[in-house]
Amino acid sequence: MKINKIIYYLATGLFTLVMLFSAGMYFFNHEFIKSAFTSLGYPTYLIYPYATAKLLGLFAIWNPNFKIIKEWAYSAFFFAITLAFFAHIMVNDGGQMTAIIAMVALIVSYIFSKRI
């Protein structure tokens, strides 16, 4: 049981770091993210709402009282990371490795959240 908690917290912590870095970039390096969104073909008005949604999703994942919302947050992150991976593949900018790391951490976190 203890090893399951360790794996869960490591995976969730790694995923949280990736998402916090991403949301931080959205808030504090807006011009860079604006150009990245434009190159990916996304509208730039989504930057701040998307960063806020990431922070709310992280809050839901870490809060043990939000069981149903936690499931929705994992699902939303799964689709967001999948779409980000393919967007980076399509424009060939090298950002897909971060998406792979986030996806692996997300899946491990989800699986081990069910075990603990």
N, C-alpha and C. Protein backbone atom coordinates (compact mmCIF):
# COMPACT_ATOMS: atom_id res chain seq x y z
N MET A 1 0.83 -1.20 0.00
CA MET A 1 0.00 0.00 0.00
C MET A 1 0.86 1.25 0.00
N LYS A 2 1.98 1.23 0.74
CA LYS A 2 2.81 2.41 0.83
C LYS A 2 3.48 2.73 -0.52
N ILE A 3 3.89 1.70 -1.25
CA ILE A 3 4.52 1.93 -2.55
C ILE A 3 3.52 2.56 -3.53
N ASN A 4 2.25 2.17 -3.42
CA ASN A 4 1.23 2.76 -4.29
C ASN A 4 1.08 4.25 -4.02
N LYS A 5 1.12 4.64 -2.76
CA LYS A 5 1.02 6.07 -2.42
C LYS A 5 2.23 6.84 -2.92
N ILE A 6 3.40 6.24 -2.79
CA ILE A 6 4.62 6.91 -3.26
C ILE A 6 4.56 7.14 -4.76
N ILE A 7 4.18 6.10 -5.50
CA ILE A 7 4.08 6.22 -6.96
C ILE A 7 3.02 7.25 -7.32
N TYR A 8 1.88 7.22 -6.63
CA TYR A 8 0.81 8.18 -6.90
C TYR A 8 1.31 9.62 -6.69
N TYR A 9 1.94 9.87 -5.55
CA TYR A 9 2.36 11.23 -5.26
C TYR A 9 3.50 11.69 -6.17
N LEU A 10 4.39 10.79 -6.56
CA LEU A 10 5.45 11.16 -7.50
C LEU A 10 4.87 11.50 -8.87
N ALA A 11 3.98 10.65 -9.37
CA ALA A 11 3.38 10.89 -10.69
C ALA A 11 2.51 12.15 -10.67
N THR A 12 1.71 12.31 -9.63
CA THR A 12 0.85 13.48 -9.54
C THR A 12 1.69 14.74 -9.36
N GLY A 13 2.76 14.64 -8.60
CA GLY A 13 3.66 15.78 -8.43
C GLY A 13 4.34 16.18 -9.73
N LEU A 14 4.82 15.20 -10.50
CA LEU A 14 5.43 15.50 -11.79
C LEU A 14 4.41 16.12 -12.73
N PHE A 15 3.22 15.55 -12.77
CA PHE A 15 2.17 16.12 -13.62
C PHE A 15 1.84 17.55 -13.20
N THR A 16 1.76 17.77 -11.90
CA THR A 16 1.46 19.11 -11.37
C THR A 16 2.54 20.10 -11.77
N LEU A 17 3.80 19.68 -11.69
CA LEU A 17 4.90 20.58 -12.09
C LEU A 17 4.79 20.97 -13.56
N VAL A 18 4.49 20.01 -14.41
CA VAL A 18 4.35 20.30 -15.84
C VAL A 18 3.19 21.27 -16.08
N MET A 19 2.06 21.03 -15.43
CA MET A 19 0.91 21.89 -15.62
C MET A 19 1.11 23.28 -15.00
N LEU A 20 1.78 23.34 -13.84
CA LEU A 20 2.06 24.65 -13.24
C LEU A 20 3.04 25.45 -14.10
N PHE A 21 4.03 24.77 -14.67
CA PHE A 21 4.95 25.46 -15.58
C PHE A 21 4.19 25.99 -16.79
N SER A 22 3.31 25.15 -17.32
CA SER A 22 2.52 25.56 -18.48
C SER A 22 1.63 26.75 -18.14
N ALA A 23 0.87 26.66 -17.06
CA ALA A 23 -0.02 27.76 -16.68
C ALA A 23 0.78 29.01 -16.34
N GLY A 24 1.92 28.83 -15.70
CA GLY A 24 2.78 29.98 -15.40
C GLY A 24 3.26 30.68 -16.66
N MET A 25 3.61 29.89 -17.65
CA MET A 25 4.01 30.49 -18.93
C MET A 25 2.84 31.25 -19.54
N TYR A 26 1.65 30.71 -19.43
CA TYR A 26 0.47 31.36 -20.00
C TYR A 26 0.23 32.72 -19.35
N PHE A 27 0.43 32.80 -18.04
CA PHE A 27 0.18 34.05 -17.32
C PHE A 27 1.35 35.03 -17.42
N PHE A 28 2.59 34.54 -17.32
CA PHE A 28 3.73 35.43 -17.15
C PHE A 28 4.60 35.62 -18.39
N ASN A 29 4.39 34.82 -19.42
CA ASN A 29 5.13 34.97 -20.67
C ASN A 29 4.13 34.99 -21.82
N HIS A 30 3.20 35.90 -21.71
CA HIS A 30 2.05 35.92 -22.61
C HIS A 30 2.44 36.09 -24.08
N GLU A 31 3.39 36.94 -24.37
CA GLU A 31 3.75 37.18 -25.77
C GLU A 31 4.32 35.93 -26.44
N PHE A 32 5.14 35.18 -25.72
CA PHE A 32 5.69 33.94 -26.27
C PHE A 32 4.56 32.93 -26.51
N ILE A 33 3.68 32.78 -25.53
CA ILE A 33 2.58 31.84 -25.66
C ILE A 33 1.62 32.28 -26.76
N LYS A 34 1.44 33.59 -26.89
CA LYS A 34 0.57 34.11 -27.95
C LYS A 34 1.11 33.70 -29.32
N SER A 35 2.41 33.81 -29.53
CA SER A 35 2.99 33.40 -30.81
C SER A 35 2.92 31.88 -30.99
N ALA A 36 3.08 31.14 -29.89
CA ALA A 36 2.97 29.68 -29.97
C ALA A 36 1.54 29.26 -30.32
N PHE A 37 0.56 29.90 -29.70
CA PHE A 37 -0.84 29.59 -30.02
C PHE A 37 -1.14 29.92 -31.47
N THR A 38 -0.62 31.04 -31.95
CA THR A 38 -0.84 31.42 -33.34
C THR A 38 -0.22 30.40 -34.29
N SER A 39 0.99 29.93 -33.97
CA SER A 39 1.64 28.95 -34.85
C SER A 39 0.92 27.61 -34.83
N LEU A 40 0.28 27.30 -33.71
CA LEU A 40 -0.48 26.05 -33.62
C LEU A 40 -1.88 26.18 -34.22
N GLY A 41 -2.30 27.42 -34.53
CA GLY A 41 -3.60 27.64 -35.13
C GLY A 41 -4.72 27.82 -34.12
N TYR A 42 -4.36 28.08 -32.85
CA TYR A 42 -5.37 28.29 -31.81
C TYR A 42 -5.64 29.77 -31.64
N PRO A 43 -6.86 30.13 -31.27
CA PRO A 43 -7.16 31.54 -31.00
C PRO A 43 -6.49 31.98 -29.69
N THR A 44 -5.95 33.18 -29.69
CA THR A 44 -5.19 33.65 -28.53
C THR A 44 -6.07 34.05 -27.36
N TYR A 45 -7.36 34.25 -27.59
CA TYR A 45 -8.24 34.60 -26.46
C TYR A 45 -8.45 33.43 -25.51
N LEU A 46 -7.99 32.24 -25.86
CA LEU A 46 -8.12 31.08 -24.99
C LEU A 46 -7.00 30.96 -23.96
N ILE A 47 -5.97 31.78 -24.07
CA ILE A 47 -4.79 31.60 -23.23
C ILE A 47 -5.12 31.70 -21.74
N TYR A 48 -5.73 32.79 -21.32
CA TYR A 48 -6.01 32.97 -19.89
C TYR A 48 -7.08 32.00 -19.36
N PRO A 49 -8.18 31.79 -20.08
CA PRO A 49 -9.15 30.80 -19.58
C PRO A 49 -8.56 29.39 -19.50
N TYR A 50 -7.71 29.04 -20.46
CA TYR A 50 -7.09 27.71 -20.47
C TYR A 50 -6.14 27.55 -19.28
N ALA A 51 -5.37 28.58 -18.99
CA ALA A 51 -4.47 28.53 -17.83
C ALA A 51 -5.26 28.42 -16.54
N THR A 52 -6.36 29.15 -16.44
CA THR A 52 -7.21 29.08 -15.26
C THR A 52 -7.83 27.69 -15.12
N ALA A 53 -8.26 27.12 -16.22
CA ALA A 53 -8.84 25.77 -16.19
C ALA A 53 -7.80 24.74 -15.74
N LYS A 54 -6.56 24.91 -16.16
CA LYS A 54 -5.50 24.00 -15.71
C LYS A 54 -5.32 24.09 -14.20
N LEU A 55 -5.32 25.29 -13.67
CA LEU A 55 -5.16 25.46 -12.22
C LEU A 55 -6.34 24.86 -11.46
N LEU A 56 -7.54 25.08 -11.96
CA LEU A 56 -8.73 24.50 -11.32
C LEU A 56 -8.71 22.97 -11.40
N GLY A 57 -8.25 22.44 -12.51
CA GLY A 57 -8.14 20.99 -12.66
C GLY A 57 -7.13 20.39 -11.69
N LEU A 58 -6.02 21.09 -11.51
CA LEU A 58 -5.03 20.62 -10.53
C LEU A 58 -5.60 20.65 -9.12
N PHE A 59 -6.35 21.69 -8.81
CA PHE A 59 -6.99 21.77 -7.50
C PHE A 59 -7.94 20.59 -7.30
N ALA A 60 -8.69 20.25 -8.32
CA ALA A 60 -9.63 19.13 -8.23
C ALA A 60 -8.90 17.80 -8.06
N ILE A 61 -7.79 17.64 -8.75
CA ILE A 61 -7.04 16.38 -8.65
C ILE A 61 -6.44 16.21 -7.25
N TRP A 62 -5.97 17.28 -6.67
CA TRP A 62 -5.33 17.19 -5.36
C TRP A 62 -6.32 17.18 -4.20
N ASN A 63 -7.56 17.59 -4.44
CA ASN A 63 -8.54 17.66 -3.36
C ASN A 63 -9.27 16.31 -3.24
N PRO A 64 -9.13 15.63 -2.09
CA PRO A 64 -9.76 14.31 -1.95
C PRO A 64 -11.28 14.36 -1.83
N ASN A 65 -11.86 15.52 -1.61
CA ASN A 65 -13.31 15.63 -1.45
C ASN A 65 -14.06 15.72 -2.78
N PHE A 66 -13.35 15.96 -3.85
CA PHE A 66 -13.98 16.14 -5.16
C PHE A 66 -13.86 14.87 -6.01
N LYS A 67 -14.55 13.82 -5.64
CA LYS A 67 -14.39 12.54 -6.35
C LYS A 67 -14.89 12.61 -7.80
N ILE A 68 -16.08 13.12 -8.01
CA ILE A 68 -16.63 13.17 -9.37
C ILE A 68 -15.91 14.24 -10.19
N ILE A 69 -15.66 15.38 -9.59
CA ILE A 69 -14.95 16.44 -10.32
C ILE A 69 -13.53 16.01 -10.65
N LYS A 70 -12.93 15.20 -9.78
CA LYS A 70 -11.58 14.68 -10.03
C LYS A 70 -11.58 13.82 -11.30
N GLU A 71 -12.60 13.00 -11.47
CA GLU A 71 -12.72 12.18 -12.68
C GLU A 71 -12.81 13.06 -13.93
N TRP A 72 -13.61 14.10 -13.84
CA TRP A 72 -13.75 15.04 -14.96
C TRP A 72 -12.43 15.75 -15.24
N ALA A 73 -11.71 16.10 -14.20
CA ALA A 73 -10.42 16.78 -14.38
C ALA A 73 -9.42 15.87 -15.07
N TYR A 74 -9.35 14.61 -14.63
CA TYR A 74 -8.45 13.66 -15.30
C TYR A 74 -8.84 13.51 -16.77
N SER A 75 -10.13 13.42 -17.04
CA SER A 75 -10.60 13.28 -18.42
C SER A 75 -10.24 14.51 -19.25
N ALA A 76 -10.49 15.68 -18.70
CA ALA A 76 -10.18 16.91 -19.44
C ALA A 76 -8.69 17.03 -19.71
N PHE A 77 -7.87 16.70 -18.72
CA PHE A 77 -6.43 16.74 -18.93
C PHE A 77 -5.99 15.72 -19.99
N PHE A 78 -6.62 14.55 -19.99
CA PHE A 78 -6.29 13.54 -21.00
C PHE A 78 -6.52 14.07 -22.41
N PHE A 79 -7.70 14.66 -22.62
CA PHE A 79 -7.99 15.18 -23.95
C PHE A 79 -7.13 16.39 -24.29
N ALA A 80 -6.87 17.26 -23.32
CA ALA A 80 -6.04 18.44 -23.58
C ALA A 80 -4.62 18.04 -23.96
N ILE A 81 -4.08 17.05 -23.26
CA ILE A 81 -2.71 16.62 -23.55
C ILE A 81 -2.65 15.89 -24.89
N THR A 82 -3.66 15.08 -25.17
CA THR A 82 -3.70 14.39 -26.46
C THR A 82 -3.74 15.39 -27.61
N LEU A 83 -4.60 16.39 -27.49
CA LEU A 83 -4.69 17.42 -28.54
C LEU A 83 -3.40 18.23 -28.64
N ALA A 84 -2.79 18.53 -27.50
CA ALA A 84 -1.52 19.27 -27.52
C ALA A 84 -0.43 18.45 -28.20
N PHE A 85 -0.38 17.16 -27.91
CA PHE A 85 0.61 16.29 -28.54
C PHE A 85 0.49 16.33 -30.06
N PHE A 86 -0.73 16.14 -30.55
CA PHE A 86 -0.91 16.12 -32.00
C PHE A 86 -0.72 17.50 -32.63
N ALA A 87 -1.05 18.56 -31.91
CA ALA A 87 -0.80 19.90 -32.43
C ALA A 87 0.69 20.14 -32.60
N HIS A 88 1.48 19.72 -31.61
CA HIS A 88 2.93 19.89 -31.70
C HIS A 88 3.53 18.99 -32.79
N ILE A 89 2.97 17.81 -32.97
CA ILE A 89 3.43 16.93 -34.06
C ILE A 89 3.16 17.58 -35.42
N MET A 90 1.98 18.17 -35.56
CA MET A 90 1.59 18.74 -36.86
C MET A 90 2.46 19.93 -37.25
N VAL A 91 2.87 20.76 -36.28
CA VAL A 91 3.70 21.90 -36.62
C VAL A 91 5.19 21.60 -36.46
N ASN A 92 5.50 20.42 -35.92
CA ASN A 92 6.87 19.93 -35.80
C ASN A 92 7.77 20.93 -35.06
N ASP A 93 7.32 21.33 -33.87
CA ASP A 93 8.11 22.29 -33.09
C ASP A 93 8.85 21.67 -31.91
N GLY A 94 8.73 20.36 -31.73
CA GLY A 94 9.46 19.67 -30.67
C GLY A 94 8.79 19.69 -29.32
N GLY A 95 7.61 20.22 -29.21
CA GLY A 95 6.91 20.29 -27.93
C GLY A 95 6.21 19.02 -27.53
N GLN A 96 6.28 17.99 -28.37
CA GLN A 96 5.55 16.77 -28.08
C GLN A 96 6.15 15.97 -26.93
N MET A 97 7.42 16.14 -26.62
CA MET A 97 8.02 15.39 -25.50
C MET A 97 7.42 15.81 -24.17
N THR A 98 7.15 17.07 -24.00
CA THR A 98 6.50 17.52 -22.77
C THR A 98 5.10 16.92 -22.65
N ALA A 99 4.41 16.82 -23.77
CA ALA A 99 3.08 16.21 -23.77
C ALA A 99 3.17 14.73 -23.42
N ILE A 100 4.19 14.05 -23.90
CA ILE A 100 4.36 12.62 -23.58
C ILE A 100 4.64 12.44 -22.10
N ILE A 101 5.52 13.27 -21.55
CA ILE A 101 5.83 13.19 -20.12
C ILE A 101 4.58 13.46 -19.29
N ALA A 102 3.83 14.48 -19.67
CA ALA A 102 2.60 14.81 -18.95
C ALA A 102 1.59 13.68 -19.06
N MET A 103 1.47 13.06 -20.23
CA MET A 103 0.50 11.99 -20.41
C MET A 103 0.86 10.76 -19.58
N VAL A 104 2.13 10.39 -19.58
CA VAL A 104 2.55 9.24 -18.77
C VAL A 104 2.29 9.51 -17.29
N ALA A 105 2.66 10.71 -16.83
CA ALA A 105 2.44 11.06 -15.42
C ALA A 105 0.95 11.07 -15.11
N LEU A 106 0.13 11.58 -16.02
CA LEU A 106 -1.32 11.63 -15.80
C LEU A 106 -1.91 10.23 -15.70
N ILE A 107 -1.52 9.35 -16.59
CA ILE A 107 -2.06 7.98 -16.59
C ILE A 107 -1.63 7.23 -15.33
N VAL A 108 -0.35 7.36 -14.97
CA VAL A 108 0.13 6.70 -13.74
C VAL A 108 -0.59 7.27 -12.53
N SER A 109 -0.76 8.58 -12.48
CA SER A 109 -1.47 9.21 -11.38
C SER A 109 -2.90 8.70 -11.28
N TYR A 110 -3.57 8.60 -12.40
CA TYR A 110 -4.96 8.13 -12.40
C TYR A 110 -5.06 6.69 -11.93
N ILE A 111 -4.20 5.83 -12.46
CA ILE A 111 -4.24 4.42 -12.09
C ILE A 111 -3.97 4.25 -10.59
N PHE A 112 -2.97 4.94 -10.09
CA PHE A 112 -2.62 4.76 -8.69
C PHE A 112 -3.55 5.53 -7.75
N SER A 113 -4.29 6.49 -8.26
CA SER A 113 -5.31 7.13 -7.41
C SER A 113 -6.43 6.14 -7.11
N LYS A 114 -6.66 5.21 -8.01
CA LYS A 114 -7.67 4.18 -7.80
C LYS A 114 -7.19 3.11 -6.81
N ARG A 115 -5.89 2.93 -6.73
CA ARG A 115 -5.33 1.89 -5.86
C ARG A 115 -5.18 2.30 -4.41
N ILE A 116 -5.12 3.62 -4.18
CA ILE A 116 -4.92 4.05 -2.77
C ILE A 116 -6.23 4.43 -2.13
